[in-house]
Protein backbone atom coordinates (compact mmCIF):
# COMPACT_ATOMS: atom_id res chain seq x y z
CA UNK A 1 0.00 0.00 0.00
CA UNK A 2 1.11 3.53 -0.56
CA UNK A 3 2.46 5.77 2.19
CA UNK A 4 -0.59 7.93 1.74
CA UNK A 5 -2.83 4.95 2.51
CA UNK A 6 -0.77 4.09 5.60
CA UNK A 7 -1.57 7.51 6.99
CA UNK A 8 -5.29 6.90 6.65
CA UNK A 9 -6.56 5.17 9.77
CA UNK A 10 -9.44 3.35 8.07
CA UNK A 11 -9.76 3.54 4.30
CA UNK A 12 -13.14 3.47 2.61
CA UNK A 13 -13.78 0.22 0.75
CA UNK A 14 -16.00 -0.59 -2.18
CA UNK A 15 -16.16 -3.20 -4.89
CA UNK A 16 -16.80 -2.81 -8.57
CA UNK A 17 -17.32 -5.28 -11.36
CA UNK A 18 -15.87 -3.80 -14.52
CA UNK A 19 -17.15 -4.37 -18.06
CA UNK A 20 -14.86 -7.37 -18.58
CA UNK A 21 -16.54 -9.13 -15.65
CA UNK A 22 -13.49 -8.82 -13.39
CA UNK A 23 -14.09 -7.75 -9.80
CA UNK A 24 -11.77 -5.33 -8.05
CA UNK A 25 -11.69 -3.94 -4.55
CA UNK A 26 -11.05 -0.23 -4.43
CA UNK A 27 -9.65 1.43 -1.34
CA UNK A 28 -9.91 5.17 -0.97
CA UNK A 29 -7.10 6.35 1.27
CA UNK A 30 -7.09 10.10 1.73
CA UNK A 31 -6.97 11.15 -1.93
CA UNK A 32 -5.37 8.00 -3.34
CA UNK A 33 -7.26 5.04 -4.72
CA UNK A 34 -5.68 1.59 -4.63
CA UNK A 35 -7.02 -1.17 -6.86
CA UNK A 36 -6.80 -4.64 -5.38
CA UNK A 37 -7.54 -7.88 -7.17
CA UNK A 38 -10.56 -9.84 -5.93
CA UNK A 39 -10.25 -13.47 -6.98
CA UNK A 40 -12.72 -16.17 -6.02
CA UNK A 41 -13.57 -19.78 -6.69
CA UNK A 42 -12.43 -23.33 -6.13
CA UNK A 43 -10.93 -25.18 -9.09
CA UNK A 44 -9.73 -28.74 -9.54
CA UNK A 45 -6.83 -29.32 -11.89
CA UNK A 46 -3.88 -31.62 -12.43
CA UNK A 47 -0.15 -31.15 -12.29
CA UNK A 48 1.69 -32.81 -15.15
CA UNK A 49 4.87 -34.89 -14.82
CA UNK A 50 7.01 -31.79 -15.49
CA UNK A 51 5.47 -29.86 -12.57
CA UNK A 52 3.23 -27.61 -14.66
CA UNK A 53 -0.35 -26.73 -13.86
CA UNK A 54 -2.84 -25.05 -16.12
CA UNK A 55 -4.56 -21.94 -14.79
CA UNK A 56 -8.31 -22.61 -15.29
CA UNK A 57 -9.93 -20.26 -17.79
CA UNK A 58 -12.56 -19.10 -15.25
CA UNK A 59 -9.75 -18.04 -12.91
CA UNK A 60 -7.65 -16.54 -15.70
CA UNK A 61 -10.58 -14.28 -16.66
CA UNK A 62 -10.51 -12.76 -13.17
CA UNK A 63 -6.86 -11.75 -13.37
CA UNK A 64 -6.14 -8.04 -13.80
CA UNK A 65 -4.33 -6.75 -16.86
CA UNK A 66 -1.63 -5.52 -14.49
CA UNK A 67 -0.62 -9.13 -13.79
CA UNK A 68 0.28 -9.67 -17.49
CA UNK A 69 0.43 -13.47 -17.20
CA UNK A 70 3.07 -13.35 -14.48
CA UNK A 71 2.82 -14.51 -10.89
CA UNK A 72 4.82 -15.02 -7.76
CA UNK A 73 4.55 -18.20 -5.74
CA UNK A 74 5.65 -18.95 -2.20
CA UNK A 75 4.98 -21.30 0.68
CA UNK A 76 1.62 -21.02 2.38
CA UNK A 77 1.17 -20.93 6.14
CA UNK A 78 -0.31 -24.44 5.93
CA UNK A 79 0.85 -27.29 3.67
CA UNK A 80 0.07 -25.45 0.43
CA UNK A 81 1.62 -22.94 -1.94
CA UNK A 82 0.25 -19.47 -2.59
CA UNK A 83 0.13 -17.90 -6.03
CA UNK A 84 -0.11 -14.10 -6.30
CA UNK A 85 -0.70 -12.07 -9.47
CA UNK A 86 2.46 -10.00 -9.98
CA UNK A 87 0.67 -6.71 -9.28
CA UNK A 88 -0.39 -8.01 -5.86
CA UNK A 89 3.06 -9.39 -5.08
CA UNK A 90 4.52 -5.91 -5.60
CA UNK A 91 2.26 -4.59 -2.81
CA UNK A 92 3.20 -7.46 -0.49
CA UNK A 93 6.91 -7.08 -1.26
CA UNK A 94 6.68 -3.37 -0.47
CA UNK A 95 5.18 -4.17 2.95
CA UNK A 96 7.84 -6.81 3.65
CA UNK A 97 10.57 -4.36 2.64
CA UNK A 98 9.39 -2.09 5.46
CA UNK A 99 10.26 -4.74 8.07
CA UNK A 100 13.50 -4.12 9.93
CA UNK A 101 16.53 -6.35 9.55
CA UNK A 102 17.51 -5.22 13.06
CA UNK A 103 14.47 -6.82 14.75
CA UNK A 104 14.81 -10.59 15.04
CA UNK A 105 11.10 -11.47 14.69
CA UNK A 106 10.79 -9.32 11.57
CA UNK A 107 13.97 -10.76 10.07
CA UNK A 108 12.78 -14.32 10.80
CA UNK A 109 9.37 -13.63 9.29
CA UNK A 110 10.97 -12.26 6.12
CA UNK A 111 13.14 -15.35 5.75
CA UNK A 112 10.33 -17.84 6.19
CA UNK A 113 7.77 -15.92 4.17
CA UNK A 114 10.13 -15.41 1.23
CA UNK A 115 11.69 -18.89 1.39
CA UNK A 116 11.20 -20.44 -2.03
CA UNK A 117 9.38 -17.40 -3.43
CA UNK A 118 9.71 -17.45 -7.22
CA UNK A 119 8.44 -15.57 -10.22
CA UNK A 120 6.36 -17.65 -12.66
CA UNK A 121 5.40 -16.81 -16.23
CA UNK A 122 2.30 -18.31 -17.83
CA UNK A 123 3.07 -20.00 -21.14
CA UNK A 124 0.91 -19.93 -24.30
CA UNK A 125 -1.08 -22.92 -22.98
CA UNK A 126 -1.91 -21.02 -19.73
CA UNK A 127 0.45 -23.21 -17.67
CA UNK A 128 2.89 -22.26 -14.95
CA UNK A 129 5.89 -24.34 -13.86
CA UNK A 130 5.98 -24.76 -10.07
CA UNK A 131 9.54 -24.95 -8.67
CA UNK A 132 10.54 -28.41 -7.47
CA UNK A 133 11.20 -27.36 -3.85
CA UNK A 134 7.69 -25.89 -3.59
CA UNK A 135 6.17 -29.00 -5.16
CA UNK A 136 7.89 -31.06 -2.47
CA UNK A 137 6.93 -28.68 0.36
CA UNK A 138 3.19 -28.88 -0.44
CA UNK A 139 3.20 -32.42 -1.89
CA UNK A 140 1.94 -31.01 -5.20
CA UNK A 141 1.45 -33.82 -7.69
CA UNK A 142 -1.44 -35.29 -9.62
CA UNK A 143 -4.81 -33.94 -8.50
CA UNK A 144 -4.74 -30.36 -7.15
CA UNK A 145 -7.23 -27.84 -5.83
CA UNK A 146 -6.84 -24.11 -6.45
CA UNK A 147 -8.65 -22.01 -3.85
CA UNK A 148 -8.88 -18.40 -5.00
CA UNK A 149 -9.86 -15.68 -2.55
CA UNK A 150 -8.99 -12.04 -2.23
CA UNK A 151 -5.64 -11.34 -3.88
CA UNK A 152 -4.26 -14.89 -3.90
CA UNK A 153 -4.71 -18.49 -5.00
CA UNK A 154 -3.82 -21.32 -2.65
CA UNK A 155 -2.55 -24.45 -4.41
CA UNK A 156 -3.31 -27.66 -2.52
CA UNK A 157 -2.70 -31.35 -3.06
CA UNK A 158 -6.32 -32.59 -3.36
CA UNK A 159 -5.94 -35.16 -0.58
CA UNK A 160 -4.41 -32.57 1.78
CA UNK A 161 -7.18 -30.10 0.92
CA UNK A 162 -9.93 -32.65 1.56
CA UNK A 163 -8.26 -33.60 4.85
CA UNK A 164 -8.05 -29.95 5.91
CA UNK A 165 -11.73 -29.42 5.11
CA UNK A 166 -12.74 -32.58 6.98
CA UNK A 167 -11.18 -31.04 10.10
CA UNK A 168 -13.70 -28.19 10.05
CA UNK A 169 -14.12 -26.57 13.47
CA UNK A 170 -16.91 -28.24 15.43
CA UNK A 171 -18.68 -24.92 15.74
CA UNK A 172 -17.90 -23.02 12.55
CA UNK A 173 -20.72 -20.61 13.35
CA UNK A 174 -19.02 -19.54 16.59
CA UNK A 175 -15.69 -19.12 14.78
CA UNK A 176 -17.34 -16.97 12.10
CA UNK A 177 -19.03 -14.84 14.75
CA UNK A 178 -15.79 -14.32 16.67
CA UNK A 179 -13.66 -13.49 13.62
CA UNK A 180 -16.17 -11.42 11.66
CA UNK A 181 -17.75 -9.52 14.56
CA UNK A 182 -14.25 -8.44 15.59
CA UNK A 183 -13.68 -7.08 12.06
CA UNK A 184 -17.04 -5.31 12.05
CA UNK A 185 -16.28 -3.68 15.42
CA UNK A 186 -12.87 -2.52 14.17
CA UNK A 187 -14.50 -1.01 11.06
CA UNK A 188 -17.17 0.72 13.14
CA UNK A 189 -14.61 2.10 15.61
CA UNK A 190 -12.64 3.57 12.72
CA UNK A 191 -15.53 5.53 11.21
C-alpha atoms as a PDB file:
ATOM      1  CA  UNK A   1       0.000   0.000   0.000  1.00  0.00           C
ATOM      2  CA  UNK A   2       1.107   3.530  -0.563  1.00  0.00           C
ATOM      3  CA  UNK A   3       2.462   5.768   2.192  1.00  0.00           C
ATOM      4  CA  UNK A   4      -0.593   7.932   1.740  1.00  0.00           C
ATOM      5  CA  UNK A   5      -2.829   4.950   2.506  1.00  0.00           C
ATOM      6  CA  UNK A   6      -0.770   4.089   5.597  1.00  0.00           C
ATOM      7  CA  UNK A   7      -1.568   7.515   6.992  1.00  0.00           C
ATOM      8  CA  UNK A   8      -5.294   6.897   6.655  1.00  0.00           C
ATOM      9  CA  UNK A   9      -6.562   5.171   9.769  1.00  0.00           C
ATOM     10  CA  UNK A  10      -9.438   3.353   8.072  1.00  0.00           C
ATOM     11  CA  UNK A  11      -9.756   3.542   4.302  1.00  0.00           C
ATOM     12  CA  UNK A  12     -13.139   3.469   2.608  1.00  0.00           C
ATOM     13  CA  UNK A  13     -13.778   0.223   0.745  1.00  0.00           C
ATOM     14  CA  UNK A  14     -15.998  -0.594  -2.183  1.00  0.00           C
ATOM     15  CA  UNK A  15     -16.162  -3.204  -4.891  1.00  0.00           C
ATOM     16  CA  UNK A  16     -16.797  -2.814  -8.568  1.00  0.00           C
ATOM     17  CA  UNK A  17     -17.320  -5.279 -11.357  1.00  0.00           C
ATOM     18  CA  UNK A  18     -15.869  -3.800 -14.523  1.00  0.00           C
ATOM     19  CA  UNK A  19     -17.147  -4.369 -18.061  1.00  0.00           C
ATOM     20  CA  UNK A  20     -14.864  -7.369 -18.584  1.00  0.00           C
ATOM     21  CA  UNK A  21     -16.545  -9.132 -15.647  1.00  0.00           C
ATOM     22  CA  UNK A  22     -13.494  -8.822 -13.391  1.00  0.00           C
ATOM     23  CA  UNK A  23     -14.088  -7.751  -9.803  1.00  0.00           C
ATOM     24  CA  UNK A  24     -11.773  -5.332  -8.049  1.00  0.00           C
ATOM     25  CA  UNK A  25     -11.689  -3.940  -4.552  1.00  0.00           C
ATOM     26  CA  UNK A  26     -11.054  -0.229  -4.432  1.00  0.00           C
ATOM     27  CA  UNK A  27      -9.648   1.433  -1.336  1.00  0.00           C
ATOM     28  CA  UNK A  28      -9.912   5.172  -0.971  1.00  0.00           C
ATOM     29  CA  UNK A  29      -7.097   6.345   1.266  1.00  0.00           C
ATOM     30  CA  UNK A  30      -7.088  10.096   1.727  1.00  0.00           C
ATOM     31  CA  UNK A  31      -6.968  11.146  -1.925  1.00  0.00           C
ATOM     32  CA  UNK A  32      -5.372   8.000  -3.340  1.00  0.00           C
ATOM     33  CA  UNK A  33      -7.255   5.038  -4.723  1.00  0.00           C
ATOM     34  CA  UNK A  34      -5.681   1.591  -4.634  1.00  0.00           C
ATOM     35  CA  UNK A  35      -7.023  -1.171  -6.860  1.00  0.00           C
ATOM     36  CA  UNK A  36      -6.802  -4.636  -5.378  1.00  0.00           C
ATOM     37  CA  UNK A  37      -7.542  -7.878  -7.172  1.00  0.00           C
ATOM     38  CA  UNK A  38     -10.561  -9.836  -5.934  1.00  0.00           C
ATOM     39  CA  UNK A  39     -10.247 -13.470  -6.981  1.00  0.00           C
ATOM     40  CA  UNK A  40     -12.724 -16.173  -6.024  1.00  0.00           C
ATOM     41  CA  UNK A  41     -13.565 -19.783  -6.689  1.00  0.00           C
ATOM     42  CA  UNK A  42     -12.426 -23.333  -6.128  1.00  0.00           C
ATOM     43  CA  UNK A  43     -10.931 -25.179  -9.088  1.00  0.00           C
ATOM     44  CA  UNK A  44      -9.731 -28.743  -9.545  1.00  0.00           C
ATOM     45  CA  UNK A  45      -6.828 -29.319 -11.887  1.00  0.00           C
ATOM     46  CA  UNK A  46      -3.879 -31.623 -12.427  1.00  0.00           C
ATOM     47  CA  UNK A  47      -0.154 -31.145 -12.289  1.00  0.00           C
ATOM     48  CA  UNK A  48       1.690 -32.808 -15.153  1.00  0.00           C
ATOM     49  CA  UNK A  49       4.868 -34.887 -14.817  1.00  0.00           C
ATOM     50  CA  UNK A  50       7.012 -31.785 -15.491  1.00  0.00           C
ATOM     51  CA  UNK A  51       5.470 -29.859 -12.572  1.00  0.00           C
ATOM     52  CA  UNK A  52       3.234 -27.612 -14.657  1.00  0.00           C
ATOM     53  CA  UNK A  53      -0.346 -26.731 -13.856  1.00  0.00           C
ATOM     54  CA  UNK A  54      -2.840 -25.054 -16.116  1.00  0.00           C
ATOM     55  CA  UNK A  55      -4.558 -21.940 -14.790  1.00  0.00           C
ATOM     56  CA  UNK A  56      -8.305 -22.613 -15.289  1.00  0.00           C
ATOM     57  CA  UNK A  57      -9.931 -20.259 -17.795  1.00  0.00           C
ATOM     58  CA  UNK A  58     -12.558 -19.098 -15.252  1.00  0.00           C
ATOM     59  CA  UNK A  59      -9.755 -18.039 -12.913  1.00  0.00           C
ATOM     60  CA  UNK A  60      -7.654 -16.545 -15.696  1.00  0.00           C
ATOM     61  CA  UNK A  61     -10.580 -14.283 -16.660  1.00  0.00           C
ATOM     62  CA  UNK A  62     -10.509 -12.762 -13.166  1.00  0.00           C
ATOM     63  CA  UNK A  63      -6.857 -11.748 -13.371  1.00  0.00           C
ATOM     64  CA  UNK A  64      -6.139  -8.036 -13.802  1.00  0.00           C
ATOM     65  CA  UNK A  65      -4.329  -6.749 -16.865  1.00  0.00           C
ATOM     66  CA  UNK A  66      -1.627  -5.518 -14.488  1.00  0.00           C
ATOM     67  CA  UNK A  67      -0.624  -9.132 -13.789  1.00  0.00           C
ATOM     68  CA  UNK A  68       0.280  -9.670 -17.488  1.00  0.00           C
ATOM     69  CA  UNK A  69       0.426 -13.470 -17.197  1.00  0.00           C
ATOM     70  CA  UNK A  70       3.066 -13.349 -14.476  1.00  0.00           C
ATOM     71  CA  UNK A  71       2.815 -14.506 -10.892  1.00  0.00           C
ATOM     72  CA  UNK A  72       4.820 -15.021  -7.763  1.00  0.00           C
ATOM     73  CA  UNK A  73       4.548 -18.199  -5.742  1.00  0.00           C
ATOM     74  CA  UNK A  74       5.648 -18.948  -2.202  1.00  0.00           C
ATOM     75  CA  UNK A  75       4.985 -21.301   0.684  1.00  0.00           C
ATOM     76  CA  UNK A  76       1.624 -21.017   2.382  1.00  0.00           C
ATOM     77  CA  UNK A  77       1.170 -20.934   6.136  1.00  0.00           C
ATOM     78  CA  UNK A  78      -0.306 -24.437   5.931  1.00  0.00           C
ATOM     79  CA  UNK A  79       0.849 -27.291   3.671  1.00  0.00           C
ATOM     80  CA  UNK A  80       0.066 -25.452   0.429  1.00  0.00           C
ATOM     81  CA  UNK A  81       1.622 -22.938  -1.936  1.00  0.00           C
ATOM     82  CA  UNK A  82       0.249 -19.473  -2.588  1.00  0.00           C
ATOM     83  CA  UNK A  83       0.129 -17.901  -6.029  1.00  0.00           C
ATOM     84  CA  UNK A  84      -0.107 -14.097  -6.301  1.00  0.00           C
ATOM     85  CA  UNK A  85      -0.699 -12.074  -9.470  1.00  0.00           C
ATOM     86  CA  UNK A  86       2.457 -10.005  -9.979  1.00  0.00           C
ATOM     87  CA  UNK A  87       0.673  -6.715  -9.276  1.00  0.00           C
ATOM     88  CA  UNK A  88      -0.395  -8.007  -5.855  1.00  0.00           C
ATOM     89  CA  UNK A  89       3.062  -9.391  -5.078  1.00  0.00           C
ATOM     90  CA  UNK A  90       4.522  -5.913  -5.604  1.00  0.00           C
ATOM     91  CA  UNK A  91       2.258  -4.585  -2.806  1.00  0.00           C
ATOM     92  CA  UNK A  92       3.197  -7.464  -0.492  1.00  0.00           C
ATOM     93  CA  UNK A  93       6.914  -7.082  -1.259  1.00  0.00           C
ATOM     94  CA  UNK A  94       6.682  -3.368  -0.467  1.00  0.00           C
ATOM     95  CA  UNK A  95       5.179  -4.167   2.954  1.00  0.00           C
ATOM     96  CA  UNK A  96       7.835  -6.808   3.650  1.00  0.00           C
ATOM     97  CA  UNK A  97      10.571  -4.364   2.644  1.00  0.00           C
ATOM     98  CA  UNK A  98       9.394  -2.090   5.465  1.00  0.00           C
ATOM     99  CA  UNK A  99      10.261  -4.743   8.065  1.00  0.00           C
ATOM    100  CA  UNK A 100      13.495  -4.120   9.931  1.00  0.00           C
ATOM    101  CA  UNK A 101      16.527  -6.350   9.549  1.00  0.00           C
ATOM    102  CA  UNK A 102      17.511  -5.221  13.065  1.00  0.00           C
ATOM    103  CA  UNK A 103      14.473  -6.820  14.754  1.00  0.00           C
ATOM    104  CA  UNK A 104      14.810 -10.594  15.036  1.00  0.00           C
ATOM    105  CA  UNK A 105      11.100 -11.469  14.689  1.00  0.00           C
ATOM    106  CA  UNK A 106      10.786  -9.324  11.572  1.00  0.00           C
ATOM    107  CA  UNK A 107      13.970 -10.756  10.072  1.00  0.00           C
ATOM    108  CA  UNK A 108      12.781 -14.318  10.803  1.00  0.00           C
ATOM    109  CA  UNK A 109       9.367 -13.632   9.287  1.00  0.00           C
ATOM    110  CA  UNK A 110      10.966 -12.256   6.124  1.00  0.00           C
ATOM    111  CA  UNK A 111      13.139 -15.347   5.749  1.00  0.00           C
ATOM    112  CA  UNK A 112      10.327 -17.843   6.188  1.00  0.00           C
ATOM    113  CA  UNK A 113       7.772 -15.919   4.168  1.00  0.00           C
ATOM    114  CA  UNK A 114      10.127 -15.412   1.229  1.00  0.00           C
ATOM    115  CA  UNK A 115      11.685 -18.887   1.395  1.00  0.00           C
ATOM    116  CA  UNK A 116      11.204 -20.439  -2.027  1.00  0.00           C
ATOM    117  CA  UNK A 117       9.384 -17.401  -3.434  1.00  0.00           C
ATOM    118  CA  UNK A 118       9.706 -17.448  -7.217  1.00  0.00           C
ATOM    119  CA  UNK A 119       8.436 -15.568 -10.222  1.00  0.00           C
ATOM    120  CA  UNK A 120       6.361 -17.647 -12.663  1.00  0.00           C
ATOM    121  CA  UNK A 121       5.397 -16.812 -16.229  1.00  0.00           C
ATOM    122  CA  UNK A 122       2.303 -18.309 -17.826  1.00  0.00           C
ATOM    123  CA  UNK A 123       3.072 -20.002 -21.139  1.00  0.00           C
ATOM    124  CA  UNK A 124       0.909 -19.925 -24.298  1.00  0.00           C
ATOM    125  CA  UNK A 125      -1.081 -22.916 -22.982  1.00  0.00           C
ATOM    126  CA  UNK A 126      -1.912 -21.018 -19.726  1.00  0.00           C
ATOM    127  CA  UNK A 127       0.445 -23.207 -17.673  1.00  0.00           C
ATOM    128  CA  UNK A 128       2.893 -22.258 -14.955  1.00  0.00           C
ATOM    129  CA  UNK A 129       5.886 -24.338 -13.858  1.00  0.00           C
ATOM    130  CA  UNK A 130       5.983 -24.764 -10.074  1.00  0.00           C
ATOM    131  CA  UNK A 131       9.541 -24.948  -8.666  1.00  0.00           C
ATOM    132  CA  UNK A 132      10.544 -28.408  -7.466  1.00  0.00           C
ATOM    133  CA  UNK A 133      11.201 -27.356  -3.850  1.00  0.00           C
ATOM    134  CA  UNK A 134       7.687 -25.894  -3.591  1.00  0.00           C
ATOM    135  CA  UNK A 135       6.171 -29.005  -5.162  1.00  0.00           C
ATOM    136  CA  UNK A 136       7.885 -31.056  -2.471  1.00  0.00           C
ATOM    137  CA  UNK A 137       6.926 -28.680   0.356  1.00  0.00           C
ATOM    138  CA  UNK A 138       3.187 -28.875  -0.439  1.00  0.00           C
ATOM    139  CA  UNK A 139       3.196 -32.416  -1.890  1.00  0.00           C
ATOM    140  CA  UNK A 140       1.944 -31.015  -5.201  1.00  0.00           C
ATOM    141  CA  UNK A 141       1.451 -33.818  -7.690  1.00  0.00           C
ATOM    142  CA  UNK A 142      -1.436 -35.288  -9.619  1.00  0.00           C
ATOM    143  CA  UNK A 143      -4.812 -33.937  -8.498  1.00  0.00           C
ATOM    144  CA  UNK A 144      -4.740 -30.358  -7.148  1.00  0.00           C
ATOM    145  CA  UNK A 145      -7.235 -27.842  -5.832  1.00  0.00           C
ATOM    146  CA  UNK A 146      -6.838 -24.111  -6.447  1.00  0.00           C
ATOM    147  CA  UNK A 147      -8.654 -22.010  -3.854  1.00  0.00           C
ATOM    148  CA  UNK A 148      -8.877 -18.396  -5.005  1.00  0.00           C
ATOM    149  CA  UNK A 149      -9.859 -15.683  -2.551  1.00  0.00           C
ATOM    150  CA  UNK A 150      -8.987 -12.035  -2.228  1.00  0.00           C
ATOM    151  CA  UNK A 151      -5.644 -11.345  -3.876  1.00  0.00           C
ATOM    152  CA  UNK A 152      -4.260 -14.890  -3.898  1.00  0.00           C
ATOM    153  CA  UNK A 153      -4.714 -18.489  -4.996  1.00  0.00           C
ATOM    154  CA  UNK A 154      -3.824 -21.318  -2.648  1.00  0.00           C
ATOM    155  CA  UNK A 155      -2.552 -24.449  -4.413  1.00  0.00           C
ATOM    156  CA  UNK A 156      -3.309 -27.665  -2.517  1.00  0.00           C
ATOM    157  CA  UNK A 157      -2.701 -31.346  -3.059  1.00  0.00           C
ATOM    158  CA  UNK A 158      -6.322 -32.595  -3.357  1.00  0.00           C
ATOM    159  CA  UNK A 159      -5.937 -35.161  -0.576  1.00  0.00           C
ATOM    160  CA  UNK A 160      -4.408 -32.567   1.785  1.00  0.00           C
ATOM    161  CA  UNK A 161      -7.179 -30.102   0.922  1.00  0.00           C
ATOM    162  CA  UNK A 162      -9.931 -32.654   1.557  1.00  0.00           C
ATOM    163  CA  UNK A 163      -8.264 -33.605   4.854  1.00  0.00           C
ATOM    164  CA  UNK A 164      -8.051 -29.951   5.906  1.00  0.00           C
ATOM    165  CA  UNK A 165     -11.735 -29.421   5.114  1.00  0.00           C
ATOM    166  CA  UNK A 166     -12.736 -32.582   6.978  1.00  0.00           C
ATOM    167  CA  UNK A 167     -11.177 -31.036  10.095  1.00  0.00           C
ATOM    168  CA  UNK A 168     -13.704 -28.189  10.049  1.00  0.00           C
ATOM    169  CA  UNK A 169     -14.119 -26.572  13.467  1.00  0.00           C
ATOM    170  CA  UNK A 170     -16.915 -28.245  15.432  1.00  0.00           C
ATOM    171  CA  UNK A 171     -18.683 -24.918  15.740  1.00  0.00           C
ATOM    172  CA  UNK A 172     -17.903 -23.021  12.546  1.00  0.00           C
ATOM    173  CA  UNK A 173     -20.719 -20.611  13.347  1.00  0.00           C
ATOM    174  CA  UNK A 174     -19.022 -19.536  16.594  1.00  0.00           C
ATOM    175  CA  UNK A 175     -15.692 -19.120  14.782  1.00  0.00           C
ATOM    176  CA  UNK A 176     -17.341 -16.967  12.104  1.00  0.00           C
ATOM    177  CA  UNK A 177     -19.031 -14.843  14.750  1.00  0.00           C
ATOM    178  CA  UNK A 178     -15.786 -14.322  16.666  1.00  0.00           C
ATOM    179  CA  UNK A 179     -13.663 -13.487  13.617  1.00  0.00           C
ATOM    180  CA  UNK A 180     -16.174 -11.421  11.657  1.00  0.00           C
ATOM    181  CA  UNK A 181     -17.751  -9.518  14.559  1.00  0.00           C
ATOM    182  CA  UNK A 182     -14.248  -8.439  15.594  1.00  0.00           C
ATOM    183  CA  UNK A 183     -13.675  -7.083  12.058  1.00  0.00           C
ATOM    184  CA  UNK A 184     -17.042  -5.312  12.054  1.00  0.00           C
ATOM    185  CA  UNK A 185     -16.275  -3.685  15.418  1.00  0.00           C
ATOM    186  CA  UNK A 186     -12.866  -2.519  14.171  1.00  0.00           C
ATOM    187  CA  UNK A 187     -14.498  -1.011  11.055  1.00  0.00           C
ATOM    188  CA  UNK A 188     -17.172   0.724  13.138  1.00  0.00           C
ATOM    189  CA  UNK A 189     -14.612   2.102  15.606  1.00  0.00           C
ATOM    190  CA  UNK A 190     -12.638   3.572  12.715  1.00  0.00           C
ATOM    191  CA  UNK A 191     -15.530   5.525  11.208  1.00  0.00           C
END
